[in-house]
Amino acid sequence: SEERDRLFDGITFSENQKVTKNFSRNFSKLLTKLGLKTDKKLVFHSFRNNYVDQLRWVARDNPEVMDPLDGRKTVSDMRGSRKDYGENLGLEKLSSYIEKMDFKVDLSHLYI
């Protein structure tokens, strides 16, 4: 079923059949409850904004990698001339850009 196919159980659809609105609202409430919401601009979508900002920085020498790495899955979703030109970007090349990203978050406690 569609419910079981989702990564997180219990996320409900909003009136426009999107899960993002309710998820974002619940995430914001959780941040507030935990005392982590220090700015009203801090929202769930901030993760994406930070990712795209970091991607823009590491891909400044090859902006063509931005489309497949920021979630545009088809050529028709791509922007500008990248719809028609460019090389076939393999996983190895794309992953090299992801590895360059540095969000300055210490996650060392998650490693064995």
Protein backbone atom coordinates (compact mmCIF):
# COMPACT_ATOMS: atom_id res chain seq x y z
CA SER A 1 0.00 0.00 0.00
CA GLU A 2 1.01 3.62 -0.39
CA GLU A 3 1.19 4.06 3.41
CA ARG A 4 3.75 1.26 3.73
CA ASP A 5 5.83 2.61 0.84
CA ARG A 6 6.68 5.78 2.73
CA LEU A 7 9.89 6.16 4.69
CA PHE A 8 8.05 7.55 7.76
CA ASP A 9 4.78 6.08 9.02
CA GLY A 10 1.94 8.25 10.31
CA ILE A 11 2.42 11.23 8.02
CA THR A 12 -0.95 12.49 6.88
CA PHE A 13 -2.02 14.21 3.68
CA SER A 14 -3.16 17.83 3.70
CA GLU A 15 -6.30 19.01 1.90
CA ASN A 16 -4.35 19.32 -1.39
CA GLN A 17 -3.09 15.71 -1.10
CA LYS A 18 0.45 16.72 -0.20
CA VAL A 19 2.36 15.27 2.74
CA THR A 20 4.82 18.13 2.94
CA LYS A 21 2.49 20.71 4.49
CA ASN A 22 1.50 18.61 7.50
CA PHE A 23 5.01 17.21 7.91
CA SER A 24 6.50 20.70 7.83
CA ARG A 25 3.95 21.97 10.37
CA ASN A 26 4.64 19.05 12.73
CA PHE A 27 8.40 19.49 12.34
CA SER A 28 8.08 23.17 13.27
CA LYS A 29 6.05 22.29 16.37
CA LEU A 30 8.70 19.75 17.37
CA LEU A 31 11.51 22.28 16.98
CA THR A 32 9.58 24.72 19.16
CA LYS A 33 8.84 22.04 21.78
CA LEU A 34 12.53 21.07 21.92
CA GLY A 35 13.58 24.72 22.21
CA LEU A 36 15.49 24.56 18.94
CA LYS A 37 13.41 27.02 16.95
CA THR A 38 15.48 30.17 17.38
CA ASP A 39 14.24 31.87 14.23
CA LYS A 40 10.78 31.83 12.65
CA LYS A 41 12.51 31.30 9.29
CA LEU A 42 13.87 27.96 10.53
CA VAL A 43 11.55 25.42 8.89
CA PHE A 44 11.78 21.91 7.51
CA HIS A 45 12.49 23.33 4.05
CA SER A 46 15.66 24.88 5.54
CA PHE A 47 17.34 21.49 5.03
CA ARG A 48 16.77 21.78 1.28
CA ASN A 49 17.83 25.42 1.21
CA ASN A 50 21.11 24.63 2.99
CA TYR A 51 21.74 21.66 0.71
CA VAL A 52 21.17 23.73 -2.46
CA ASP A 53 23.37 26.55 -1.11
CA GLN A 54 26.17 24.07 -0.45
CA LEU A 55 25.62 22.43 -3.85
CA ARG A 56 25.82 25.80 -5.57
CA TRP A 57 29.19 26.39 -3.91
CA VAL A 58 30.77 23.01 -4.73
CA ALA A 59 29.34 22.92 -8.27
CA ARG A 60 30.40 26.44 -9.22
CA ASP A 61 32.87 24.97 -11.72
CA ASN A 62 30.20 22.77 -13.31
CA PRO A 63 26.64 24.01 -12.73
CA GLU A 64 25.37 21.18 -14.92
CA VAL A 65 25.58 18.82 -11.93
CA MET A 66 23.09 20.90 -9.96
CA ASP A 67 19.95 19.65 -11.71
CA PRO A 68 20.38 15.92 -11.07
CA LEU A 69 21.66 16.57 -7.53
CA ASP A 70 18.95 18.99 -6.42
CA GLY A 71 16.07 16.71 -7.31
CA ARG A 72 15.28 17.30 -10.97
CA LYS A 73 14.91 13.77 -12.18
CA THR A 74 14.04 14.28 -15.82
CA VAL A 75 15.42 16.39 -18.64
CA SER A 76 12.12 18.29 -18.85
CA ASP A 77 12.57 19.38 -15.21
CA MET A 78 16.01 20.84 -15.91
CA ARG A 79 16.67 24.53 -16.30
CA GLY A 80 17.97 26.53 -19.23
CA SER A 81 20.35 25.11 -21.78
CA ARG A 82 21.07 22.09 -19.59
CA LYS A 83 17.92 20.56 -21.09
CA ASP A 84 19.66 20.15 -24.43
CA TYR A 85 23.40 20.02 -23.84
CA GLY A 86 25.99 18.39 -21.70
CA GLU A 87 27.51 15.09 -20.89
CA ASN A 88 25.83 12.10 -19.31
CA LEU A 89 26.72 12.58 -15.67
CA GLY A 90 27.40 9.25 -14.02
CA LEU A 91 27.07 8.44 -10.35
CA GLU A 92 30.82 8.61 -9.81
CA LYS A 93 31.04 12.18 -11.07
CA LEU A 94 27.91 13.27 -9.19
CA SER A 95 29.06 11.66 -5.94
CA SER A 96 32.35 13.54 -6.12
CA TYR A 97 30.38 16.79 -5.74
CA ILE A 98 28.37 15.45 -2.82
CA GLU A 99 31.60 14.46 -1.08
CA LYS A 100 32.86 18.05 -1.37
CA MET A 101 29.93 19.39 0.66
CA ASP A 102 30.69 20.49 4.20
CA PHE A 103 27.77 21.47 6.41
CA LYS A 104 30.05 21.96 9.42
CA VAL A 105 28.04 19.54 11.53
CA ASP A 106 29.88 17.13 13.79
CA LEU A 107 28.36 13.69 13.29
CA SER A 108 31.33 11.75 14.67
CA HIS A 109 29.19 10.39 17.51
CA LEU A 110 27.23 8.39 14.90
CA TYR A 111 30.25 6.37 13.80
CA ILE A 112 31.60 3.27 15.48
